[in-house]
Amino acid sequence: MASVDQELFGQALTAFQTGRLSDSEHQFKALLQRQPNHVPALNLLSVLLTQLGRFSEAEAYIKR
């Protein structure tokens, strides 16, 4: 399972870095369903949502 999660995180990170924010958001959220306390995913998803101007949604992930 860990390798699947690492792969999903890697895909989400690559999508984020290449500006495919919708894909990245979907992948980070899928990973967080599997690992709700995955700190790097929580952090980057909050950054992504902030970039999209979705501040209250980003805040919820920051607080987690």
N, C-alpha and C. Protein backbone atom coordinates (compact mmCIF):
# COMPACT_ATOMS: atom_id res chain seq x y z
N MET A 1 0.81 -1.20 0.00
CA MET A 1 0.00 0.00 0.00
C MET A 1 0.85 1.26 0.00
N ALA A 2 1.95 1.23 0.75
CA ALA A 2 2.78 2.43 0.86
C ALA A 2 3.29 2.87 -0.50
N SER A 3 3.68 1.91 -1.35
CA SER A 3 4.19 2.29 -2.67
C SER A 3 3.11 2.91 -3.53
N VAL A 4 1.87 2.44 -3.39
CA VAL A 4 0.75 3.04 -4.11
C VAL A 4 0.56 4.48 -3.66
N ASP A 5 0.64 4.70 -2.36
CA ASP A 5 0.49 6.05 -1.82
C ASP A 5 1.64 6.95 -2.26
N GLN A 6 2.84 6.42 -2.28
CA GLN A 6 4.00 7.20 -2.74
C GLN A 6 3.85 7.57 -4.20
N GLU A 7 3.37 6.63 -4.99
CA GLU A 7 3.17 6.88 -6.41
C GLU A 7 2.09 7.96 -6.61
N LEU A 8 1.01 7.85 -5.87
CA LEU A 8 -0.07 8.84 -5.96
C LEU A 8 0.43 10.22 -5.55
N PHE A 9 1.23 10.28 -4.48
CA PHE A 9 1.79 11.56 -4.06
C PHE A 9 2.70 12.12 -5.15
N GLY A 10 3.52 11.28 -5.73
CA GLY A 10 4.43 11.71 -6.80
C GLY A 10 3.67 12.26 -8.00
N GLN A 11 2.59 11.60 -8.37
CA GLN A 11 1.77 12.07 -9.48
C GLN A 11 1.12 13.41 -9.15
N ALA A 12 0.63 13.53 -7.93
CA ALA A 12 -0.01 14.78 -7.50
C ALA A 12 1.01 15.92 -7.48
N LEU A 13 2.20 15.63 -6.99
CA LEU A 13 3.26 16.64 -6.93
C LEU A 13 3.67 17.08 -8.34
N THR A 14 3.83 16.13 -9.23
CA THR A 14 4.20 16.46 -10.62
C THR A 14 3.11 17.31 -11.27
N ALA A 15 1.87 16.93 -11.07
CA ALA A 15 0.76 17.71 -11.63
C ALA A 15 0.78 19.13 -11.07
N PHE A 16 1.03 19.25 -9.77
CA PHE A 16 1.10 20.56 -9.13
C PHE A 16 2.23 21.40 -9.73
N GLN A 17 3.39 20.79 -9.87
CA GLN A 17 4.57 21.51 -10.36
C GLN A 17 4.43 21.92 -11.83
N THR A 18 3.61 21.21 -12.57
CA THR A 18 3.44 21.52 -13.99
C THR A 18 2.17 22.33 -14.26
N GLY A 19 1.52 22.77 -13.18
CA GLY A 19 0.37 23.66 -13.35
C GLY A 19 -0.95 22.98 -13.64
N ARG A 20 -0.98 21.67 -13.53
CA ARG A 20 -2.25 20.95 -13.73
C ARG A 20 -2.94 20.84 -12.37
N LEU A 21 -3.45 21.97 -11.92
CA LEU A 21 -3.95 22.07 -10.55
C LEU A 21 -5.18 21.22 -10.30
N SER A 22 -6.05 21.09 -11.27
CA SER A 22 -7.24 20.27 -11.09
C SER A 22 -6.86 18.80 -10.89
N ASP A 23 -5.94 18.32 -11.72
CA ASP A 23 -5.46 16.94 -11.56
C ASP A 23 -4.79 16.75 -10.21
N SER A 24 -3.97 17.72 -9.85
CA SER A 24 -3.24 17.65 -8.59
C SER A 24 -4.21 17.63 -7.41
N GLU A 25 -5.20 18.50 -7.43
CA GLU A 25 -6.19 18.54 -6.35
C GLU A 25 -6.88 17.19 -6.20
N HIS A 26 -7.30 16.62 -7.31
CA HIS A 26 -7.99 15.32 -7.28
C HIS A 26 -7.08 14.24 -6.68
N GLN A 27 -5.81 14.24 -7.08
CA GLN A 27 -4.88 13.21 -6.60
C GLN A 27 -4.53 13.40 -5.12
N PHE A 28 -4.32 14.64 -4.71
CA PHE A 28 -4.06 14.88 -3.28
C PHE A 28 -5.25 14.44 -2.44
N LYS A 29 -6.46 14.75 -2.89
CA LYS A 29 -7.65 14.36 -2.14
C LYS A 29 -7.82 12.84 -2.10
N ALA A 30 -7.49 12.17 -3.18
CA ALA A 30 -7.55 10.71 -3.20
C ALA A 30 -6.55 10.12 -2.20
N LEU A 31 -5.36 10.69 -2.16
CA LEU A 31 -4.35 10.23 -1.21
C LEU A 31 -4.82 10.47 0.22
N LEU A 32 -5.42 11.64 0.46
CA LEU A 32 -5.87 11.96 1.82
C LEU A 32 -7.05 11.10 2.26
N GLN A 33 -7.79 10.52 1.33
CA GLN A 33 -8.82 9.56 1.72
C GLN A 33 -8.16 8.29 2.25
N ARG A 34 -7.01 7.95 1.70
CA ARG A 34 -6.28 6.75 2.12
C ARG A 34 -5.45 7.02 3.38
N GLN A 35 -4.87 8.22 3.45
CA GLN A 35 -4.01 8.60 4.58
C GLN A 35 -4.40 10.01 5.02
N PRO A 36 -5.38 10.14 5.87
CA PRO A 36 -5.90 11.46 6.25
C PRO A 36 -4.89 12.39 6.91
N ASN A 37 -3.81 11.85 7.46
CA ASN A 37 -2.82 12.67 8.14
C ASN A 37 -1.51 12.78 7.37
N HIS A 38 -1.56 12.62 6.05
CA HIS A 38 -0.36 12.72 5.21
C HIS A 38 0.03 14.20 5.12
N VAL A 39 0.99 14.59 5.96
CA VAL A 39 1.34 16.01 6.12
C VAL A 39 1.77 16.67 4.81
N PRO A 40 2.64 16.07 4.01
CA PRO A 40 3.01 16.75 2.76
C PRO A 40 1.80 16.99 1.84
N ALA A 41 0.89 16.04 1.76
CA ALA A 41 -0.30 16.21 0.92
C ALA A 41 -1.21 17.29 1.49
N LEU A 42 -1.38 17.29 2.80
CA LEU A 42 -2.19 18.34 3.44
C LEU A 42 -1.60 19.72 3.16
N ASN A 43 -0.29 19.83 3.30
CA ASN A 43 0.38 21.10 3.08
C ASN A 43 0.24 21.57 1.62
N LEU A 44 0.56 20.71 0.69
CA LEU A 44 0.53 21.13 -0.71
C LEU A 44 -0.89 21.37 -1.21
N LEU A 45 -1.85 20.60 -0.71
CA LEU A 45 -3.23 20.85 -1.09
C LEU A 45 -3.68 22.21 -0.58
N SER A 46 -3.27 22.57 0.61
CA SER A 46 -3.64 23.89 1.14
C SER A 46 -2.98 25.00 0.32
N VAL A 47 -1.75 24.80 -0.12
CA VAL A 47 -1.08 25.79 -0.98
C VAL A 47 -1.82 25.90 -2.31
N LEU A 48 -2.16 24.77 -2.89
CA LEU A 48 -2.88 24.74 -4.16
C LEU A 48 -4.21 25.50 -4.05
N LEU A 49 -4.97 25.20 -3.01
CA LEU A 49 -6.27 25.85 -2.83
C LEU A 49 -6.11 27.35 -2.59
N THR A 50 -5.05 27.72 -1.90
CA THR A 50 -4.77 29.15 -1.69
C THR A 50 -4.49 29.83 -3.03
N GLN A 51 -3.72 29.16 -3.88
CA GLN A 51 -3.43 29.72 -5.20
C GLN A 51 -4.70 29.91 -6.02
N LEU A 52 -5.69 29.06 -5.79
CA LEU A 52 -6.95 29.15 -6.50
C LEU A 52 -7.92 30.13 -5.84
N GLY A 53 -7.50 30.71 -4.73
CA GLY A 53 -8.35 31.67 -4.03
C GLY A 53 -9.43 31.03 -3.18
N ARG A 54 -9.31 29.76 -2.91
CA ARG A 54 -10.29 29.02 -2.11
C ARG A 54 -9.78 28.95 -0.66
N PHE A 55 -9.75 30.11 -0.03
CA PHE A 55 -9.07 30.27 1.25
C PHE A 55 -9.72 29.48 2.39
N SER A 56 -11.03 29.49 2.49
CA SER A 56 -11.66 28.78 3.60
C SER A 56 -11.46 27.27 3.47
N GLU A 57 -11.48 26.79 2.24
CA GLU A 57 -11.23 25.35 2.03
C GLU A 57 -9.77 25.03 2.36
N ALA A 58 -8.86 25.91 1.97
CA ALA A 58 -7.43 25.71 2.28
C ALA A 58 -7.22 25.69 3.78
N GLU A 59 -7.90 26.58 4.49
CA GLU A 59 -7.76 26.68 5.94
C GLU A 59 -8.13 25.36 6.62
N ALA A 60 -9.14 24.69 6.11
CA ALA A 60 -9.56 23.41 6.71
C ALA A 60 -8.44 22.38 6.62
N TYR A 61 -7.71 22.37 5.51
CA TYR A 61 -6.59 21.43 5.36
C TYR A 61 -5.39 21.84 6.21
N ILE A 62 -5.17 23.14 6.35
CA ILE A 62 -4.08 23.62 7.19
C ILE A 62 -4.32 23.19 8.64
N LYS A 63 -5.56 23.31 9.09
CA LYS A 63 -5.90 22.97 10.48
C LYS A 63 -5.77 21.48 10.76
N ARG A 64 -5.95 20.66 9.73
CA ARG A 64 -5.81 19.23 9.93
C ARG A 64 -4.37 18.89 10.18
